[in-house]
Amino acid sequence: MNLEAVELHADLIDRCRSGNPQAYQQLYKLYARSMYNTGYRIVNDPDEAKDVLQESFISAFRNLDSYRGDASFGSWLKRIVINKAINVIKKRRMERMPEQEEWDFAEPADTTEHEFPFSIDAVRQGIDQLPDGYRTVLSLYLIEGYDHSEIAFILGISESTSKSQFNRSKKKLLELLERRLK
């Protein structure tokens, strides 16, 4: 981000902290689309992604005083969106699973590299078909650029679980894509 953008954001944030409604609207317009996409990649539901977006902005605006400027505003907001989206996934999982059921994670799968001779749309559709946990880890790692230790912290899982789910998600995605070619 260039210096002008940083100064614009700092000014917008200061005006938001002062309660300026136009500044809130401007900040929302700057980030809504990318934050919606981030939320959607995790929850895989357009309505839930809209809810995540709304809750994230409400939370961000209410807690602007806690934004210190150590990272860009976009990074700070993205963290809020990811946390809200993960909460949706956790809630969804809790509604579906008996309380005493535990996840059984095996050793990480073979990490043999594969070429993907598939269209972007086919890959997107394949990602959408992945189970929640796989899709979330895959999205956070490949699309959002987090490493496994960060994903582990965000999701409240171990780093090895993150790696395992990532490897399993790649394998499952490849299976889904290959099935489409047959």
N, C-alpha and C. Protein backbone atom coordinates (compact mmCIF):
# COMPACT_ATOMS: atom_id res chain seq x y z
N MET A 1 0.85 -1.17 0.00
CA MET A 1 0.00 0.00 0.00
C MET A 1 0.90 1.23 0.00
N ASN A 2 0.58 2.20 -0.87
CA ASN A 2 1.44 3.38 -0.95
C ASN A 2 1.11 4.37 0.17
N LEU A 3 1.97 5.37 0.30
CA LEU A 3 1.86 6.34 1.40
C LEU A 3 0.55 7.11 1.33
N GLU A 4 0.11 7.47 0.11
CA GLU A 4 -1.16 8.20 -0.03
C GLU A 4 -2.32 7.37 0.50
N ALA A 5 -2.34 6.08 0.17
CA ALA A 5 -3.41 5.20 0.64
C ALA A 5 -3.39 5.08 2.15
N VAL A 6 -2.20 4.95 2.72
CA VAL A 6 -2.08 4.85 4.18
C VAL A 6 -2.63 6.11 4.84
N GLU A 7 -2.27 7.28 4.28
CA GLU A 7 -2.75 8.55 4.84
C GLU A 7 -4.26 8.68 4.68
N LEU A 8 -4.80 8.26 3.51
CA LEU A 8 -6.24 8.30 3.28
C LEU A 8 -6.95 7.43 4.31
N HIS A 9 -6.43 6.21 4.51
CA HIS A 9 -7.04 5.30 5.47
C HIS A 9 -6.96 5.87 6.89
N ALA A 10 -5.83 6.44 7.24
CA ALA A 10 -5.67 7.02 8.58
C ALA A 10 -6.68 8.15 8.78
N ASP A 11 -6.86 8.98 7.76
CA ASP A 11 -7.83 10.07 7.83
C ASP A 11 -9.25 9.52 7.96
N LEU A 12 -9.57 8.53 7.14
CA LEU A 12 -10.90 7.91 7.20
C LEU A 12 -11.17 7.31 8.58
N ILE A 13 -10.20 6.61 9.10
CA ILE A 13 -10.35 5.97 10.41
C ILE A 13 -10.53 7.02 11.49
N ASP A 14 -9.76 8.10 11.42
CA ASP A 14 -9.93 9.20 12.39
C ASP A 14 -11.32 9.80 12.29
N ARG A 15 -11.81 9.99 11.07
CA ARG A 15 -13.16 10.54 10.90
C ARG A 15 -14.22 9.57 11.39
N CYS A 16 -13.99 8.26 11.21
CA CYS A 16 -14.92 7.26 11.74
C CYS A 16 -14.93 7.31 13.27
N ARG A 17 -13.76 7.42 13.84
CA ARG A 17 -13.67 7.50 15.30
C ARG A 17 -14.40 8.73 15.83
N SER A 18 -14.50 9.76 15.00
CA SER A 18 -15.22 10.98 15.38
C SER A 18 -16.71 10.86 15.11
N GLY A 19 -17.14 9.73 14.54
CA GLY A 19 -18.56 9.50 14.31
C GLY A 19 -19.09 10.01 12.98
N ASN A 20 -18.23 10.26 12.02
CA ASN A 20 -18.63 10.79 10.71
C ASN A 20 -19.27 9.68 9.87
N PRO A 21 -20.59 9.77 9.58
CA PRO A 21 -21.27 8.70 8.84
C PRO A 21 -20.74 8.52 7.42
N GLN A 22 -20.32 9.61 6.77
CA GLN A 22 -19.78 9.48 5.41
C GLN A 22 -18.46 8.70 5.42
N ALA A 23 -17.68 8.88 6.46
CA ALA A 23 -16.42 8.15 6.58
C ALA A 23 -16.68 6.66 6.76
N TYR A 24 -17.69 6.32 7.58
CA TYR A 24 -18.06 4.91 7.74
C TYR A 24 -18.43 4.31 6.38
N GLN A 25 -19.25 5.05 5.65
CA GLN A 25 -19.72 4.57 4.35
C GLN A 25 -18.55 4.41 3.37
N GLN A 26 -17.64 5.36 3.38
CA GLN A 26 -16.49 5.30 2.49
C GLN A 26 -15.58 4.11 2.82
N LEU A 27 -15.35 3.90 4.09
CA LEU A 27 -14.51 2.78 4.52
C LEU A 27 -15.18 1.45 4.15
N TYR A 28 -16.49 1.39 4.34
CA TYR A 28 -17.24 0.20 3.97
C TYR A 28 -17.10 -0.08 2.47
N LYS A 29 -17.28 0.96 1.66
CA LYS A 29 -17.19 0.78 0.20
C LYS A 29 -15.80 0.33 -0.24
N LEU A 30 -14.79 0.78 0.45
CA LEU A 30 -13.42 0.39 0.11
C LEU A 30 -13.17 -1.11 0.33
N TYR A 31 -13.80 -1.68 1.34
CA TYR A 31 -13.44 -3.04 1.75
C TYR A 31 -14.55 -4.08 1.61
N ALA A 32 -15.78 -3.67 1.38
CA ALA A 32 -16.90 -4.62 1.42
C ALA A 32 -16.74 -5.79 0.46
N ARG A 33 -16.40 -5.53 -0.77
CA ARG A 33 -16.32 -6.61 -1.76
C ARG A 33 -15.25 -7.64 -1.39
N SER A 34 -14.06 -7.18 -1.09
CA SER A 34 -12.98 -8.14 -0.78
C SER A 34 -13.27 -8.89 0.52
N MET A 35 -13.88 -8.21 1.49
CA MET A 35 -14.18 -8.89 2.76
C MET A 35 -15.33 -9.88 2.58
N TYR A 36 -16.30 -9.55 1.72
CA TYR A 36 -17.37 -10.50 1.41
C TYR A 36 -16.76 -11.76 0.80
N ASN A 37 -15.86 -11.57 -0.17
CA ASN A 37 -15.22 -12.71 -0.83
C ASN A 37 -14.44 -13.57 0.16
N THR A 38 -13.75 -12.94 1.08
CA THR A 38 -13.01 -13.68 2.11
C THR A 38 -13.99 -14.51 2.95
N GLY A 39 -15.06 -13.89 3.41
CA GLY A 39 -16.05 -14.61 4.21
C GLY A 39 -16.71 -15.73 3.42
N TYR A 40 -17.03 -15.45 2.16
CA TYR A 40 -17.69 -16.45 1.33
C TYR A 40 -16.80 -17.68 1.12
N ARG A 41 -15.52 -17.46 0.90
CA ARG A 41 -14.61 -18.59 0.69
C ARG A 41 -14.58 -19.51 1.91
N ILE A 42 -14.88 -18.98 3.07
CA ILE A 42 -14.85 -19.80 4.28
C ILE A 42 -16.21 -20.44 4.55
N VAL A 43 -17.29 -19.66 4.50
CA VAL A 43 -18.61 -20.20 4.86
C VAL A 43 -19.32 -20.86 3.69
N ASN A 44 -18.93 -20.50 2.46
CA ASN A 44 -19.49 -21.13 1.26
C ASN A 44 -21.01 -20.99 1.15
N ASP A 45 -21.53 -19.89 1.61
CA ASP A 45 -22.96 -19.62 1.53
C ASP A 45 -23.13 -18.11 1.39
N PRO A 46 -23.79 -17.65 0.31
CA PRO A 46 -23.88 -16.21 0.08
C PRO A 46 -24.60 -15.45 1.20
N ASP A 47 -25.67 -16.01 1.73
CA ASP A 47 -26.39 -15.32 2.80
C ASP A 47 -25.56 -15.26 4.08
N GLU A 48 -24.91 -16.36 4.42
CA GLU A 48 -24.06 -16.35 5.61
C GLU A 48 -22.87 -15.42 5.41
N ALA A 49 -22.36 -15.36 4.19
CA ALA A 49 -21.23 -14.45 3.91
C ALA A 49 -21.66 -13.00 4.09
N LYS A 50 -22.89 -12.67 3.69
CA LYS A 50 -23.40 -11.31 3.91
C LYS A 50 -23.53 -11.02 5.40
N ASP A 51 -24.01 -12.01 6.15
CA ASP A 51 -24.12 -11.84 7.61
C ASP A 51 -22.74 -11.64 8.24
N VAL A 52 -21.78 -12.44 7.79
CA VAL A 52 -20.41 -12.32 8.30
C VAL A 52 -19.87 -10.93 7.99
N LEU A 53 -20.11 -10.46 6.77
CA LEU A 53 -19.65 -9.13 6.38
C LEU A 53 -20.25 -8.06 7.28
N GLN A 54 -21.56 -8.13 7.47
CA GLN A 54 -22.25 -7.14 8.30
C GLN A 54 -21.75 -7.18 9.75
N GLU A 55 -21.67 -8.37 10.31
CA GLU A 55 -21.20 -8.50 11.70
C GLU A 55 -19.76 -8.02 11.85
N SER A 56 -18.96 -8.28 10.83
CA SER A 56 -17.55 -7.87 10.88
C SER A 56 -17.41 -6.36 10.87
N PHE A 57 -18.16 -5.70 10.01
CA PHE A 57 -18.07 -4.24 9.97
C PHE A 57 -18.63 -3.62 11.24
N ILE A 58 -19.71 -4.17 11.76
CA ILE A 58 -20.25 -3.67 13.02
C ILE A 58 -19.20 -3.80 14.12
N SER A 59 -18.59 -4.97 14.19
CA SER A 59 -17.56 -5.20 15.20
C SER A 59 -16.37 -4.27 15.00
N ALA A 60 -15.93 -4.12 13.76
CA ALA A 60 -14.79 -3.25 13.47
C ALA A 60 -15.10 -1.80 13.83
N PHE A 61 -16.27 -1.33 13.45
CA PHE A 61 -16.63 0.06 13.74
C PHE A 61 -16.78 0.30 15.24
N ARG A 62 -17.33 -0.68 15.94
CA ARG A 62 -17.47 -0.53 17.39
C ARG A 62 -16.12 -0.57 18.11
N ASN A 63 -15.16 -1.23 17.50
CA ASN A 63 -13.86 -1.42 18.15
C ASN A 63 -12.73 -0.67 17.46
N LEU A 64 -13.06 0.39 16.74
CA LEU A 64 -12.02 1.15 16.04
C LEU A 64 -10.94 1.67 16.98
N ASP A 65 -11.31 1.93 18.22
CA ASP A 65 -10.31 2.42 19.17
C ASP A 65 -9.23 1.38 19.47
N SER A 66 -9.56 0.10 19.25
CA SER A 66 -8.56 -0.94 19.49
C SER A 66 -7.63 -1.13 18.28
N TYR A 67 -7.98 -0.53 17.14
CA TYR A 67 -7.09 -0.59 15.98
C TYR A 67 -5.93 0.36 16.21
N ARG A 68 -4.73 -0.20 16.30
CA ARG A 68 -3.55 0.59 16.64
C ARG A 68 -2.74 1.01 15.43
N GLY A 69 -3.02 0.42 14.28
CA GLY A 69 -2.28 0.78 13.09
C GLY A 69 -0.99 -0.01 12.91
N ASP A 70 -0.79 -1.07 13.72
CA ASP A 70 0.41 -1.91 13.57
C ASP A 70 0.41 -2.60 12.21
N ALA A 71 -0.77 -3.02 11.78
CA ALA A 71 -0.95 -3.63 10.46
C ALA A 71 -1.89 -2.73 9.68
N SER A 72 -2.06 -3.01 8.41
CA SER A 72 -2.99 -2.20 7.62
C SER A 72 -4.41 -2.42 8.14
N PHE A 73 -5.27 -1.46 7.89
CA PHE A 73 -6.66 -1.60 8.31
C PHE A 73 -7.28 -2.82 7.64
N GLY A 74 -6.95 -3.04 6.36
CA GLY A 74 -7.48 -4.19 5.64
C GLY A 74 -7.10 -5.51 6.29
N SER A 75 -5.87 -5.62 6.75
CA SER A 75 -5.43 -6.85 7.43
C SER A 75 -6.17 -7.04 8.74
N TRP A 76 -6.33 -5.94 9.48
CA TRP A 76 -7.05 -5.98 10.75
C TRP A 76 -8.50 -6.40 10.52
N LEU A 77 -9.14 -5.81 9.51
CA LEU A 77 -10.53 -6.14 9.19
C LEU A 77 -10.65 -7.57 8.69
N LYS A 78 -9.71 -8.01 7.87
CA LYS A 78 -9.75 -9.38 7.35
C LYS A 78 -9.68 -10.39 8.48
N ARG A 79 -8.88 -10.10 9.50
CA ARG A 79 -8.80 -10.99 10.66
C ARG A 79 -10.17 -11.10 11.34
N ILE A 80 -10.86 -9.97 11.45
CA ILE A 80 -12.21 -9.98 12.05
C ILE A 80 -13.15 -10.82 11.19
N VAL A 81 -13.11 -10.63 9.87
CA VAL A 81 -13.98 -11.38 8.96
C VAL A 81 -13.69 -12.88 9.08
N ILE A 82 -12.43 -13.24 9.08
CA ILE A 82 -12.07 -14.66 9.18
C ILE A 82 -12.57 -15.25 10.50
N ASN A 83 -12.38 -14.53 11.58
CA ASN A 83 -12.85 -15.03 12.88
C ASN A 83 -14.37 -15.18 12.91
N LYS A 84 -15.09 -14.20 12.36
CA LYS A 84 -16.56 -14.30 12.32
C LYS A 84 -16.99 -15.48 11.44
N ALA A 85 -16.33 -15.66 10.30
CA ALA A 85 -16.68 -16.76 9.40
C ALA A 85 -16.39 -18.11 10.06
N ILE A 86 -15.29 -18.19 10.76
CA ILE A 86 -14.95 -19.43 11.46
C ILE A 86 -15.98 -19.72 12.55
N ASN A 87 -16.45 -18.69 13.22
CA ASN A 87 -17.51 -18.88 14.22
C ASN A 87 -18.76 -19.46 13.59
N VAL A 88 -19.09 -19.02 12.38
CA VAL A 88 -20.25 -19.56 11.66
C VAL A 88 -20.03 -21.05 11.38
N ILE A 89 -18.84 -21.39 10.92
CA ILE A 89 -18.52 -22.80 10.63
C ILE A 89 -18.59 -23.63 11.91
N LYS A 90 -18.03 -23.12 12.99
CA LYS A 90 -18.06 -23.86 14.26
C LYS A 90 -19.50 -24.06 14.73
N LYS A 91 -20.31 -23.02 14.62
CA LYS A 91 -21.71 -23.12 15.03
C LYS A 91 -22.44 -24.14 14.17
N ARG A 92 -22.19 -24.10 12.88
CA ARG A 92 -22.81 -25.04 11.94
C ARG A 92 -22.39 -26.47 12.29
N ARG A 93 -21.11 -26.64 12.59
CA ARG A 93 -20.58 -27.96 12.93
C ARG A 93 -21.21 -28.47 14.23
N MET A 94 -21.35 -27.59 15.21
CA MET A 94 -21.93 -27.99 16.49
C MET A 94 -23.39 -28.37 16.34
N GLU A 95 -24.09 -27.73 15.42
CA GLU A 95 -25.49 -28.06 15.20
C GLU A 95 -25.65 -29.43 14.55
N ARG A 96 -24.63 -29.85 13.79
CA ARG A 96 -24.70 -31.12 13.06
C ARG A 96 -24.13 -32.30 13.82
N MET A 97 -23.18 -32.05 14.72
CA MET A 97 -22.45 -33.15 15.35
C MET A 97 -22.89 -33.38 16.78
N PRO A 98 -22.96 -34.66 17.19
CA PRO A 98 -23.17 -34.93 18.61
C PRO A 98 -21.98 -34.39 19.39
N GLU A 99 -22.23 -33.96 20.62
CA GLU A 99 -21.18 -33.32 21.42
C GLU A 99 -19.95 -34.19 21.64
N GLN A 100 -20.14 -35.49 21.79
CA GLN A 100 -19.02 -36.34 22.17
C GLN A 100 -18.21 -36.85 20.98
N GLU A 101 -18.68 -36.57 19.78
CA GLU A 101 -17.93 -37.02 18.61
C GLU A 101 -16.64 -36.22 18.49
N GLU A 102 -15.56 -36.92 18.22
CA GLU A 102 -14.26 -36.26 18.07
C GLU A 102 -13.74 -36.48 16.66
N TRP A 103 -12.97 -35.52 16.20
CA TRP A 103 -12.32 -35.65 14.90
C TRP A 103 -11.16 -36.63 15.02
N ASP A 104 -11.02 -37.49 14.06
CA ASP A 104 -9.92 -38.43 14.03
C ASP A 104 -9.01 -38.05 12.86
N PHE A 105 -7.88 -37.43 13.18
CA PHE A 105 -6.97 -36.98 12.14
C PHE A 105 -5.83 -37.96 11.99
N ALA A 106 -5.61 -38.38 10.77
CA ALA A 106 -4.51 -39.30 10.48
C ALA A 106 -3.25 -38.49 10.22
N GLU A 107 -2.18 -39.22 9.96
CA GLU A 107 -0.92 -38.57 9.61
C GLU A 107 -1.13 -37.79 8.31
N PRO A 108 -0.34 -36.74 8.09
CA PRO A 108 -0.47 -35.97 6.84
C PRO A 108 -0.33 -36.87 5.62
N ALA A 109 -1.13 -36.57 4.63
CA ALA A 109 -1.12 -37.35 3.39
C ALA A 109 0.14 -37.06 2.59
N ASP A 110 0.39 -37.92 1.61
CA ASP A 110 1.53 -37.72 0.73
C ASP A 110 1.39 -36.38 0.02
N THR A 111 2.46 -35.64 -0.06
CA THR A 111 2.40 -34.30 -0.63
C THR A 111 2.92 -34.26 -2.07
N THR A 112 2.72 -35.35 -2.80
CA THR A 112 3.14 -35.40 -4.19
C THR A 112 2.49 -34.25 -4.95
N GLU A 113 3.30 -33.56 -5.72
CA GLU A 113 2.78 -32.44 -6.50
C GLU A 113 2.00 -32.95 -7.70
N HIS A 114 0.92 -32.27 -8.04
CA HIS A 114 0.10 -32.61 -9.19
C HIS A 114 -0.06 -31.37 -10.05
N GLU A 115 -0.12 -31.59 -11.36
CA GLU A 115 -0.47 -30.49 -12.23
C GLU A 115 -1.98 -30.42 -12.27
N PHE A 116 -2.51 -29.22 -12.39
CA PHE A 116 -3.95 -29.04 -12.44
C PHE A 116 -4.36 -28.55 -13.83
N PRO A 117 -4.71 -29.47 -14.70
CA PRO A 117 -5.15 -29.07 -16.04
C PRO A 117 -6.64 -28.73 -16.06
N PHE A 118 -7.08 -27.95 -15.08
CA PHE A 118 -8.50 -27.67 -14.92
C PHE A 118 -8.74 -26.17 -15.01
N SER A 119 -9.95 -25.82 -15.41
CA SER A 119 -10.30 -24.40 -15.50
C SER A 119 -10.45 -23.81 -14.10
N ILE A 120 -10.34 -22.51 -14.03
CA ILE A 120 -10.51 -21.81 -12.75
C ILE A 120 -11.90 -22.06 -12.20
N ASP A 121 -12.91 -22.05 -13.08
CA ASP A 121 -14.29 -22.30 -12.62
C ASP A 121 -14.44 -23.70 -12.04
N ALA A 122 -13.80 -24.68 -12.69
CA ALA A 122 -13.88 -26.05 -12.18
C ALA A 122 -13.22 -26.15 -10.81
N VAL A 123 -12.09 -25.48 -10.63
CA VAL A 123 -11.41 -25.49 -9.34
C VAL A 123 -12.28 -24.82 -8.29
N ARG A 124 -12.87 -23.67 -8.62
CA ARG A 124 -13.75 -22.98 -7.67
C ARG A 124 -14.92 -23.86 -7.26
N GLN A 125 -15.53 -24.52 -8.24
CA GLN A 125 -16.65 -25.41 -7.93
C GLN A 125 -16.20 -26.58 -7.06
N GLY A 126 -15.01 -27.09 -7.35
CA GLY A 126 -14.47 -28.17 -6.53
C GLY A 126 -14.23 -27.73 -5.11
N ILE A 127 -13.66 -26.54 -4.94
CA ILE A 127 -13.42 -26.00 -3.59
C ILE A 127 -14.74 -25.84 -2.85
N ASP A 128 -15.77 -25.37 -3.55
CA ASP A 128 -17.09 -25.20 -2.93
C ASP A 128 -17.67 -26.52 -2.43
N GLN A 129 -17.27 -27.63 -3.05
CA GLN A 129 -17.80 -28.94 -2.67
C GLN A 129 -17.02 -29.59 -1.52
N LEU A 130 -15.90 -29.01 -1.14
CA LEU A 130 -15.10 -29.58 -0.05
C LEU A 130 -15.82 -29.44 1.28
N PRO A 131 -15.59 -30.36 2.21
CA PRO A 131 -16.14 -30.21 3.56
C PRO A 131 -15.63 -28.90 4.19
N ASP A 132 -16.38 -28.36 5.12
CA ASP A 132 -16.07 -27.06 5.73
C ASP A 132 -14.62 -26.94 6.19
N GLY A 133 -14.15 -27.90 6.96
CA GLY A 133 -12.80 -27.82 7.51
C GLY A 133 -11.74 -27.78 6.42
N TYR A 134 -11.90 -28.63 5.43
CA TYR A 134 -10.94 -28.67 4.33
C TYR A 134 -10.95 -27.34 3.56
N ARG A 135 -12.16 -26.89 3.23
CA ARG A 135 -12.30 -25.65 2.45
C ARG A 135 -11.71 -24.46 3.21
N THR A 136 -11.94 -24.42 4.51
CA THR A 136 -11.45 -23.30 5.31
C THR A 136 -9.93 -23.27 5.33
N VAL A 137 -9.30 -24.41 5.63
CA VAL A 137 -7.84 -24.46 5.68
C VAL A 137 -7.25 -24.18 4.31
N LEU A 138 -7.81 -24.78 3.27
CA LEU A 138 -7.32 -24.55 1.91
C LEU A 138 -7.41 -23.07 1.54
N SER A 139 -8.54 -22.45 1.84
CA SER A 139 -8.73 -21.03 1.52
C SER A 139 -7.77 -20.14 2.30
N LEU A 140 -7.64 -20.42 3.59
CA LEU A 140 -6.74 -19.60 4.40
C LEU A 140 -5.29 -19.74 3.93
N TYR A 141 -4.90 -20.94 3.53
CA TYR A 141 -3.51 -21.17 3.13
C TYR A 141 -3.23 -20.65 1.71
N LEU A 142 -4.01 -21.12 0.75
CA LEU A 142 -3.72 -20.79 -0.64
C LEU A 142 -4.22 -19.41 -1.07
N ILE A 143 -5.39 -19.04 -0.62
CA ILE A 143 -5.99 -17.80 -1.11
C ILE A 143 -5.64 -16.61 -0.23
N GLU A 144 -5.73 -16.80 1.08
CA GLU A 144 -5.47 -15.69 2.00
C GLU A 144 -4.00 -15.56 2.37
N GLY A 145 -3.20 -16.61 2.13
CA GLY A 145 -1.77 -16.53 2.34
C GLY A 145 -1.27 -16.75 3.76
N TYR A 146 -2.10 -17.33 4.62
CA TYR A 146 -1.65 -17.63 5.98
C TYR A 146 -0.79 -18.89 5.98
N ASP A 147 0.16 -18.98 6.91
CA ASP A 147 0.92 -20.22 7.04
C ASP A 147 0.20 -21.11 8.06
N HIS A 148 0.69 -22.34 8.21
CA HIS A 148 -0.02 -23.31 9.05
C HIS A 148 -0.04 -22.92 10.53
N SER A 149 0.99 -22.26 11.01
CA SER A 149 0.97 -21.84 12.42
C SER A 149 -0.10 -20.75 12.63
N GLU A 150 -0.25 -19.85 11.65
CA GLU A 150 -1.29 -18.82 11.76
C GLU A 150 -2.68 -19.44 11.66
N ILE A 151 -2.84 -20.38 10.74
CA ILE A 151 -4.13 -21.07 10.59
C ILE A 151 -4.48 -21.81 11.87
N ALA A 152 -3.50 -22.47 12.44
CA ALA A 152 -3.72 -23.20 13.70
C ALA A 152 -4.21 -22.25 14.78
N PHE A 153 -3.59 -21.09 14.88
CA PHE A 153 -3.99 -20.10 15.88
C PHE A 153 -5.40 -19.59 15.61
N ILE A 154 -5.69 -19.24 14.35
CA ILE A 154 -7.00 -18.70 13.98
C ILE A 154 -8.11 -19.70 14.25
N LEU A 155 -7.88 -20.96 13.88
CA LEU A 155 -8.93 -21.98 14.00
C LEU A 155 -8.94 -22.70 15.34
N GLY A 156 -7.92 -22.49 16.14
CA GLY A 156 -7.85 -23.18 17.42
C GLY A 156 -7.56 -24.66 17.27
N ILE A 157 -6.72 -25.00 16.28
CA ILE A 157 -6.32 -26.38 16.04
C ILE A 157 -4.79 -26.44 16.10
N SER A 158 -4.25 -27.65 16.05
CA SER A 158 -2.79 -27.77 16.05
C SER A 158 -2.26 -27.50 14.64
N GLU A 159 -0.99 -27.17 14.58
CA GLU A 159 -0.36 -26.92 13.29
C GLU A 159 -0.38 -28.19 12.43
N SER A 160 -0.17 -29.34 13.07
CA SER A 160 -0.19 -30.60 12.32
C SER A 160 -1.59 -30.90 11.77
N THR A 161 -2.62 -30.51 12.50
CA THR A 161 -3.99 -30.68 12.01
C THR A 161 -4.22 -29.80 10.80
N SER A 162 -3.72 -28.57 10.85
CA SER A 162 -3.83 -27.67 9.71
C SER A 162 -3.15 -28.28 8.48
N LYS A 163 -1.95 -28.79 8.66
CA LYS A 163 -1.22 -29.40 7.55
C LYS A 163 -1.95 -30.63 7.02
N SER A 164 -2.46 -31.44 7.94
CA SER A 164 -3.19 -32.64 7.56
C SER A 164 -4.44 -32.29 6.76
N GLN A 165 -5.20 -31.32 7.26
CA GLN A 165 -6.42 -30.93 6.55
C GLN A 165 -6.09 -30.31 5.19
N PHE A 166 -5.00 -29.56 5.13
CA PHE A 166 -4.59 -28.98 3.86
C PHE A 166 -4.25 -30.08 2.86
N ASN A 167 -3.45 -31.05 3.29
CA ASN A 167 -3.09 -32.16 2.40
C ASN A 167 -4.32 -32.96 1.98
N ARG A 168 -5.20 -33.21 2.91
CA ARG A 168 -6.43 -33.94 2.59
C ARG A 168 -7.31 -33.13 1.64
N SER A 169 -7.36 -31.82 1.85
CA SER A 169 -8.19 -30.98 0.98
C SER A 169 -7.64 -30.98 -0.44
N LYS A 170 -6.32 -30.95 -0.60
CA LYS A 170 -5.73 -31.02 -1.95
C LYS A 170 -6.08 -32.34 -2.62
N LYS A 171 -5.96 -33.43 -1.86
CA LYS A 171 -6.25 -34.75 -2.40
C LYS A 171 -7.73 -34.86 -2.79
N LYS A 172 -8.61 -34.40 -1.91
CA LYS A 172 -10.05 -34.45 -2.17
C LYS A 172 -10.41 -33.57 -3.36
N LEU A 173 -9.81 -32.38 -3.43
CA LEU A 173 -10.08 -31.48 -4.56
C LEU A 173 -9.65 -32.12 -5.87
N LEU A 174 -8.50 -32.75 -5.88
CA LEU A 174 -8.02 -33.42 -7.09
C LEU A 174 -8.98 -34.55 -7.49
N GLU A 175 -9.47 -35.31 -6.51
CA GLU A 175 -10.44 -36.38 -6.79
C GLU A 175 -11.71 -35.81 -7.41
N LEU A 176 -12.21 -34.71 -6.84
CA LEU A 176 -13.42 -34.08 -7.36
C LEU A 176 -13.21 -33.60 -8.79
N LEU A 177 -12.06 -33.00 -9.04
CA LEU A 177 -11.78 -32.47 -10.37
C LEU A 177 -11.58 -33.59 -11.39
N GLU A 178 -10.89 -34.64 -11.00
CA GLU A 178 -10.67 -35.77 -11.92
C GLU A 178 -11.98 -36.47 -12.23
N ARG A 179 -12.87 -36.54 -11.25
CA ARG A 179 -14.18 -37.15 -11.46
C ARG A 179 -14.97 -36.38 -12.52
N ARG A 180 -14.78 -35.06 -12.55
CA ARG A 180 -15.49 -34.23 -13.53
C ARG A 180 -14.98 -34.48 -14.95
N LEU A 181 -13.72 -34.90 -15.09
CA LEU A 181 -13.14 -35.15 -16.41
C LEU A 181 -13.62 -36.46 -17.02
N LYS A 182 -14.05 -37.38 -16.17
CA LYS A 182 -14.47 -38.71 -16.65
C LYS A 182 -15.82 -38.68 -17.30
